[in-house]
């Protein structure tokens, strides 16, 4: 593809079964060891294209987050992760593809 995310590992990735897209968040930049990423990308398998999404808010840069897709609520759920500086995260975020929005979960229902 003409546009694609930086090479990375320890990223969060899920398949959004409602919109038939692959969502990728963060991870470790393979070209800059120690750099945790905070970008959101979508891959559309129907046309083999990557698109960088630019939501107004998002989780901070991190790697090794746990990510699942909740098809009932049509949201990606991201939990935790860490940075090489020693920071670990215990926060939970949801991402809605239809509105391109990340929201932190303050407690209670997702």
N, C-alpha and C. Protein backbone atom coordinates (compact mmCIF):
# COMPACT_ATOMS: atom_id res chain seq x y z
N UNK A 1 0.82 -1.21 0.00
CA UNK A 1 0.00 0.00 0.00
C UNK A 1 0.86 1.27 0.00
N UNK A 2 0.35 2.32 -0.60
CA UNK A 2 1.08 3.59 -0.69
C UNK A 2 1.32 4.20 0.69
N UNK A 3 0.34 4.10 1.56
CA UNK A 3 0.45 4.62 2.92
C UNK A 3 0.25 3.47 3.88
N UNK A 4 1.12 3.37 4.87
CA UNK A 4 0.99 2.28 5.84
C UNK A 4 1.68 2.68 7.14
N UNK A 5 1.34 2.01 8.24
CA UNK A 5 1.96 2.36 9.51
C UNK A 5 3.45 2.00 9.53
N UNK A 6 4.19 2.67 10.43
CA UNK A 6 5.59 2.30 10.65
C UNK A 6 5.65 0.83 11.06
N UNK A 7 6.76 0.18 10.73
CA UNK A 7 6.97 -1.19 11.18
C UNK A 7 6.99 -1.19 12.70
N UNK A 8 6.26 -2.12 13.30
CA UNK A 8 6.10 -2.11 14.75
C UNK A 8 5.85 -3.52 15.28
N UNK A 9 5.97 -3.64 16.56
CA UNK A 9 5.56 -4.85 17.26
C UNK A 9 5.04 -4.45 18.63
N UNK A 10 4.46 -5.41 19.36
CA UNK A 10 3.79 -5.17 20.65
C UNK A 10 2.67 -4.15 20.51
N UNK A 11 2.03 -4.12 19.36
CA UNK A 11 0.91 -3.20 19.12
C UNK A 11 -0.41 -3.90 19.43
N UNK A 12 -1.45 -3.09 19.59
CA UNK A 12 -2.79 -3.64 19.74
C UNK A 12 -3.43 -3.75 18.37
N UNK A 13 -4.09 -4.88 18.10
CA UNK A 13 -4.72 -5.06 16.80
C UNK A 13 -5.96 -5.93 16.96
N UNK A 14 -7.06 -5.50 16.36
CA UNK A 14 -8.30 -6.27 16.39
C UNK A 14 -8.97 -6.22 15.02
N UNK A 15 -9.86 -7.18 14.80
CA UNK A 15 -10.70 -7.17 13.61
C UNK A 15 -12.07 -6.66 14.02
N UNK A 16 -12.50 -5.58 13.42
CA UNK A 16 -13.83 -5.00 13.65
C UNK A 16 -14.80 -5.73 12.73
N UNK A 17 -15.55 -6.67 13.31
CA UNK A 17 -16.43 -7.52 12.50
C UNK A 17 -17.67 -6.80 12.00
N UNK A 18 -18.00 -5.65 12.58
CA UNK A 18 -19.15 -4.89 12.10
C UNK A 18 -18.81 -4.10 10.84
N UNK A 19 -17.61 -3.53 10.80
CA UNK A 19 -17.20 -2.72 9.64
C UNK A 19 -16.19 -3.44 8.75
N UNK A 20 -15.79 -4.64 9.12
CA UNK A 20 -14.87 -5.47 8.33
C UNK A 20 -13.54 -4.75 8.09
N UNK A 21 -12.98 -4.22 9.18
CA UNK A 21 -11.70 -3.51 9.14
C UNK A 21 -10.79 -4.05 10.24
N UNK A 22 -9.50 -3.87 10.07
CA UNK A 22 -8.52 -4.19 11.10
C UNK A 22 -8.07 -2.87 11.72
N UNK A 23 -8.17 -2.77 13.05
CA UNK A 23 -7.78 -1.56 13.77
C UNK A 23 -6.46 -1.84 14.48
N UNK A 24 -5.49 -0.92 14.35
CA UNK A 24 -4.18 -1.04 14.99
C UNK A 24 -3.93 0.20 15.83
N UNK A 25 -3.44 -0.02 17.05
CA UNK A 25 -3.07 1.11 17.90
C UNK A 25 -1.71 0.86 18.54
N UNK A 26 -0.87 1.92 18.52
CA UNK A 26 0.37 1.95 19.29
C UNK A 26 1.36 0.87 18.94
N UNK A 27 2.13 0.46 19.95
CA UNK A 27 3.16 -0.54 19.78
C UNK A 27 4.55 0.06 19.88
N UNK A 28 5.54 -0.76 19.65
CA UNK A 28 6.93 -0.31 19.67
C UNK A 28 7.41 -0.11 18.25
N UNK A 29 7.95 1.06 17.98
CA UNK A 29 8.47 1.39 16.66
C UNK A 29 9.73 0.58 16.41
N UNK A 30 9.70 -0.30 15.42
CA UNK A 30 10.85 -1.16 15.13
C UNK A 30 12.04 -0.36 14.61
N UNK A 31 11.80 0.81 14.04
CA UNK A 31 12.88 1.63 13.51
C UNK A 31 13.50 2.58 14.52
N UNK A 32 12.90 2.70 15.69
CA UNK A 32 13.39 3.59 16.75
C UNK A 32 13.24 2.87 18.08
N UNK A 33 14.17 1.98 18.40
CA UNK A 33 14.04 1.17 19.62
C UNK A 33 13.74 2.03 20.85
N UNK A 34 12.78 1.56 21.61
CA UNK A 34 12.39 2.27 22.82
C UNK A 34 11.27 3.26 22.62
N UNK A 35 10.91 3.54 21.37
CA UNK A 35 9.84 4.51 21.11
C UNK A 35 8.49 3.80 21.07
N UNK A 36 7.62 4.19 21.99
CA UNK A 36 6.25 3.68 21.99
C UNK A 36 5.39 4.61 21.14
N UNK A 37 4.49 4.04 20.37
CA UNK A 37 3.66 4.80 19.44
C UNK A 37 2.28 5.08 20.01
N UNK A 38 1.61 6.09 19.48
CA UNK A 38 0.25 6.43 19.92
C UNK A 38 -0.67 6.71 18.74
N UNK A 39 -0.40 6.06 17.62
CA UNK A 39 -1.20 6.30 16.42
C UNK A 39 -2.25 5.21 16.24
N UNK A 40 -3.30 5.57 15.51
CA UNK A 40 -4.40 4.65 15.21
C UNK A 40 -4.49 4.49 13.69
N UNK A 41 -4.50 3.24 13.23
CA UNK A 41 -4.59 2.94 11.80
C UNK A 41 -5.71 1.96 11.56
N UNK A 42 -6.26 2.00 10.36
CA UNK A 42 -7.25 1.02 9.94
C UNK A 42 -6.80 0.40 8.62
N UNK A 43 -6.95 -0.92 8.52
CA UNK A 43 -6.66 -1.63 7.28
C UNK A 43 -7.97 -2.16 6.73
N UNK A 44 -8.21 -1.87 5.47
CA UNK A 44 -9.42 -2.34 4.78
C UNK A 44 -9.02 -3.48 3.86
N UNK A 45 -9.32 -4.73 4.24
CA UNK A 45 -8.92 -5.86 3.40
C UNK A 45 -9.60 -5.91 2.04
N UNK A 46 -10.73 -5.21 1.89
CA UNK A 46 -11.43 -5.25 0.61
C UNK A 46 -10.67 -4.53 -0.49
N UNK A 47 -9.85 -3.53 -0.12
CA UNK A 47 -9.07 -2.81 -1.14
C UNK A 47 -7.58 -2.76 -0.81
N UNK A 48 -7.16 -3.51 0.22
CA UNK A 48 -5.75 -3.60 0.60
C UNK A 48 -5.15 -2.22 0.92
N UNK A 49 -5.91 -1.38 1.64
CA UNK A 49 -5.45 -0.02 1.95
C UNK A 49 -5.40 0.25 3.45
N UNK A 50 -4.31 0.93 3.84
CA UNK A 50 -4.15 1.44 5.20
C UNK A 50 -4.54 2.91 5.21
N UNK A 51 -5.17 3.35 6.30
CA UNK A 51 -5.48 4.77 6.49
C UNK A 51 -5.16 5.13 7.93
N UNK A 52 -4.40 6.21 8.11
CA UNK A 52 -4.16 6.69 9.47
C UNK A 52 -5.38 7.48 9.92
N UNK A 53 -5.89 7.13 11.09
CA UNK A 53 -7.03 7.82 11.66
C UNK A 53 -6.51 8.85 12.65
N UNK A 54 -7.15 10.00 12.71
CA UNK A 54 -6.66 11.07 13.57
C UNK A 54 -7.75 11.51 14.55
N UNK A 55 -8.11 10.64 15.50
CA UNK A 55 -9.13 11.03 16.47
C UNK A 55 -8.63 12.17 17.34
N UNK A 56 -9.56 12.99 17.85
CA UNK A 56 -9.17 14.17 18.63
C UNK A 56 -8.52 13.81 19.97
N UNK A 57 -8.87 12.68 20.53
CA UNK A 57 -8.19 12.20 21.74
C UNK A 57 -7.90 10.72 21.56
N UNK A 58 -6.95 10.20 22.32
CA UNK A 58 -6.56 8.80 22.19
C UNK A 58 -5.71 8.42 23.40
N UNK A 59 -5.51 7.13 23.60
CA UNK A 59 -4.61 6.71 24.68
C UNK A 59 -3.20 7.25 24.44
N UNK A 60 -2.44 7.43 25.52
CA UNK A 60 -1.06 7.89 25.38
C UNK A 60 -0.22 6.80 24.73
N UNK A 61 0.98 7.18 24.29
CA UNK A 61 1.86 6.22 23.62
C UNK A 61 2.18 5.06 24.57
N UNK A 62 2.07 3.84 24.02
CA UNK A 62 2.25 2.64 24.82
C UNK A 62 2.41 1.43 23.91
N UNK A 63 2.83 0.35 24.52
CA UNK A 63 2.95 -0.92 23.81
C UNK A 63 2.41 -2.04 24.70
N UNK A 64 2.16 -3.18 24.09
CA UNK A 64 1.72 -4.39 24.78
C UNK A 64 0.40 -4.21 25.53
N UNK A 65 -0.52 -3.47 24.95
CA UNK A 65 -1.87 -3.34 25.52
C UNK A 65 -2.68 -4.58 25.18
N UNK A 66 -3.68 -4.84 25.99
CA UNK A 66 -4.65 -5.90 25.67
C UNK A 66 -5.79 -5.24 24.91
N UNK A 67 -6.16 -5.82 23.77
CA UNK A 67 -7.20 -5.22 22.92
C UNK A 67 -8.16 -6.31 22.47
N UNK A 68 -9.46 -6.02 22.59
CA UNK A 68 -10.50 -6.93 22.11
C UNK A 68 -11.54 -6.11 21.34
N UNK A 69 -12.39 -6.81 20.60
CA UNK A 69 -13.49 -6.13 19.91
C UNK A 69 -14.81 -6.61 20.50
N UNK A 70 -15.66 -5.66 20.89
CA UNK A 70 -17.00 -5.95 21.43
C UNK A 70 -18.01 -5.70 20.31
N UNK A 71 -18.46 -6.77 19.67
CA UNK A 71 -19.36 -6.61 18.52
C UNK A 71 -20.76 -6.16 18.95
N UNK A 72 -21.17 -6.45 20.18
CA UNK A 72 -22.48 -5.99 20.65
C UNK A 72 -22.56 -4.47 20.74
N UNK A 73 -21.47 -3.84 21.18
CA UNK A 73 -21.43 -2.39 21.32
C UNK A 73 -20.68 -1.71 20.17
N UNK A 74 -20.16 -2.52 19.24
CA UNK A 74 -19.40 -2.03 18.08
C UNK A 74 -18.24 -1.13 18.50
N UNK A 75 -17.46 -1.62 19.49
CA UNK A 75 -16.32 -0.86 19.99
C UNK A 75 -15.11 -1.75 20.21
N UNK A 76 -13.95 -1.17 19.97
CA UNK A 76 -12.68 -1.78 20.35
C UNK A 76 -12.42 -1.38 21.79
N UNK A 77 -11.95 -2.31 22.60
CA UNK A 77 -11.63 -2.02 24.00
C UNK A 77 -10.14 -2.27 24.20
N UNK A 78 -9.44 -1.26 24.72
CA UNK A 78 -8.00 -1.33 24.97
C UNK A 78 -7.77 -1.19 26.47
N UNK A 79 -6.92 -2.07 27.02
CA UNK A 79 -6.57 -1.98 28.43
C UNK A 79 -5.07 -2.01 28.61
N UNK A 80 -4.57 -1.10 29.45
CA UNK A 80 -3.20 -1.14 29.94
C UNK A 80 -2.12 -0.92 28.91
N UNK A 81 -0.96 -1.54 29.20
CA UNK A 81 0.23 -1.38 28.39
C UNK A 81 1.36 -0.79 29.22
N UNK A 82 2.49 -0.51 28.56
CA UNK A 82 3.63 0.06 29.27
C UNK A 82 4.49 0.88 28.32
N UNK A 83 5.43 1.62 28.91
CA UNK A 83 6.49 2.32 28.19
C UNK A 83 7.82 1.82 28.74
N UNK A 84 8.88 1.97 27.96
CA UNK A 84 10.20 1.54 28.42
C UNK A 84 10.70 2.36 29.60
N UNK A 85 10.15 3.55 29.81
CA UNK A 85 10.55 4.39 30.94
C UNK A 85 10.14 3.78 32.27
N UNK A 86 9.35 2.72 32.22
CA UNK A 86 8.89 2.07 33.43
C UNK A 86 7.43 2.35 33.73
N UNK A 87 6.84 3.29 33.00
CA UNK A 87 5.42 3.58 33.20
C UNK A 87 4.58 2.38 32.77
N UNK A 88 3.66 1.98 33.63
CA UNK A 88 2.67 0.98 33.25
C UNK A 88 1.30 1.64 33.36
N UNK A 89 0.36 1.12 32.61
CA UNK A 89 -0.97 1.71 32.55
C UNK A 89 -2.01 0.70 32.99
N UNK A 90 -3.00 1.18 33.74
CA UNK A 90 -4.12 0.35 34.15
C UNK A 90 -5.43 0.95 33.69
N UNK A 91 -5.35 1.80 32.67
CA UNK A 91 -6.55 2.48 32.17
C UNK A 91 -7.23 1.66 31.07
N UNK A 92 -8.49 1.97 30.84
CA UNK A 92 -9.29 1.31 29.80
C UNK A 92 -9.87 2.37 28.88
N UNK A 93 -9.77 2.12 27.58
CA UNK A 93 -10.28 3.02 26.55
C UNK A 93 -11.19 2.24 25.61
N UNK A 94 -12.16 2.93 25.02
CA UNK A 94 -12.97 2.33 23.95
C UNK A 94 -12.78 3.16 22.69
N UNK A 95 -12.82 2.48 21.56
CA UNK A 95 -12.70 3.16 20.26
C UNK A 95 -13.90 2.77 19.41
N UNK A 96 -14.57 3.79 18.86
CA UNK A 96 -15.71 3.57 17.95
C UNK A 96 -15.30 3.99 16.55
N UNK A 97 -15.24 3.02 15.63
CA UNK A 97 -14.82 3.31 14.26
C UNK A 97 -15.79 4.27 13.57
N UNK A 98 -17.09 4.09 13.80
CA UNK A 98 -18.08 4.91 13.08
C UNK A 98 -17.97 6.39 13.42
N UNK A 99 -17.45 6.74 14.59
CA UNK A 99 -17.27 8.15 14.95
C UNK A 99 -15.79 8.53 15.08
N UNK A 100 -14.88 7.59 14.81
CA UNK A 100 -13.45 7.80 14.94
C UNK A 100 -13.12 8.47 16.27
N UNK A 101 -13.56 7.83 17.36
CA UNK A 101 -13.34 8.44 18.67
C UNK A 101 -12.88 7.42 19.71
N UNK A 102 -11.81 7.80 20.43
CA UNK A 102 -11.35 7.08 21.61
C UNK A 102 -11.94 7.77 22.83
N UNK A 103 -12.41 6.99 23.79
CA UNK A 103 -12.94 7.54 25.05
C UNK A 103 -12.42 6.72 26.21
N UNK A 104 -11.93 7.42 27.24
CA UNK A 104 -11.47 6.71 28.44
C UNK A 104 -12.69 6.26 29.23
N UNK A 105 -12.59 5.07 29.81
CA UNK A 105 -13.68 4.52 30.62
C UNK A 105 -13.42 4.96 32.06
N UNK A 106 -14.37 5.68 32.63
CA UNK A 106 -14.21 6.22 33.98
C UNK A 106 -14.70 5.26 35.06
N UNK A 107 -15.25 4.14 34.68
CA UNK A 107 -15.82 3.19 35.64
C UNK A 107 -17.24 2.87 35.23
N UNK A 108 -17.71 1.73 35.64
CA UNK A 108 -19.06 1.35 35.27
C UNK A 108 -19.10 0.65 33.93
N UNK A 109 -20.22 0.79 33.25
CA UNK A 109 -20.43 0.08 31.98
C UNK A 109 -19.53 0.62 30.88
N UNK A 110 -19.13 -0.29 30.00
CA UNK A 110 -18.37 0.10 28.82
C UNK A 110 -19.32 0.66 27.79
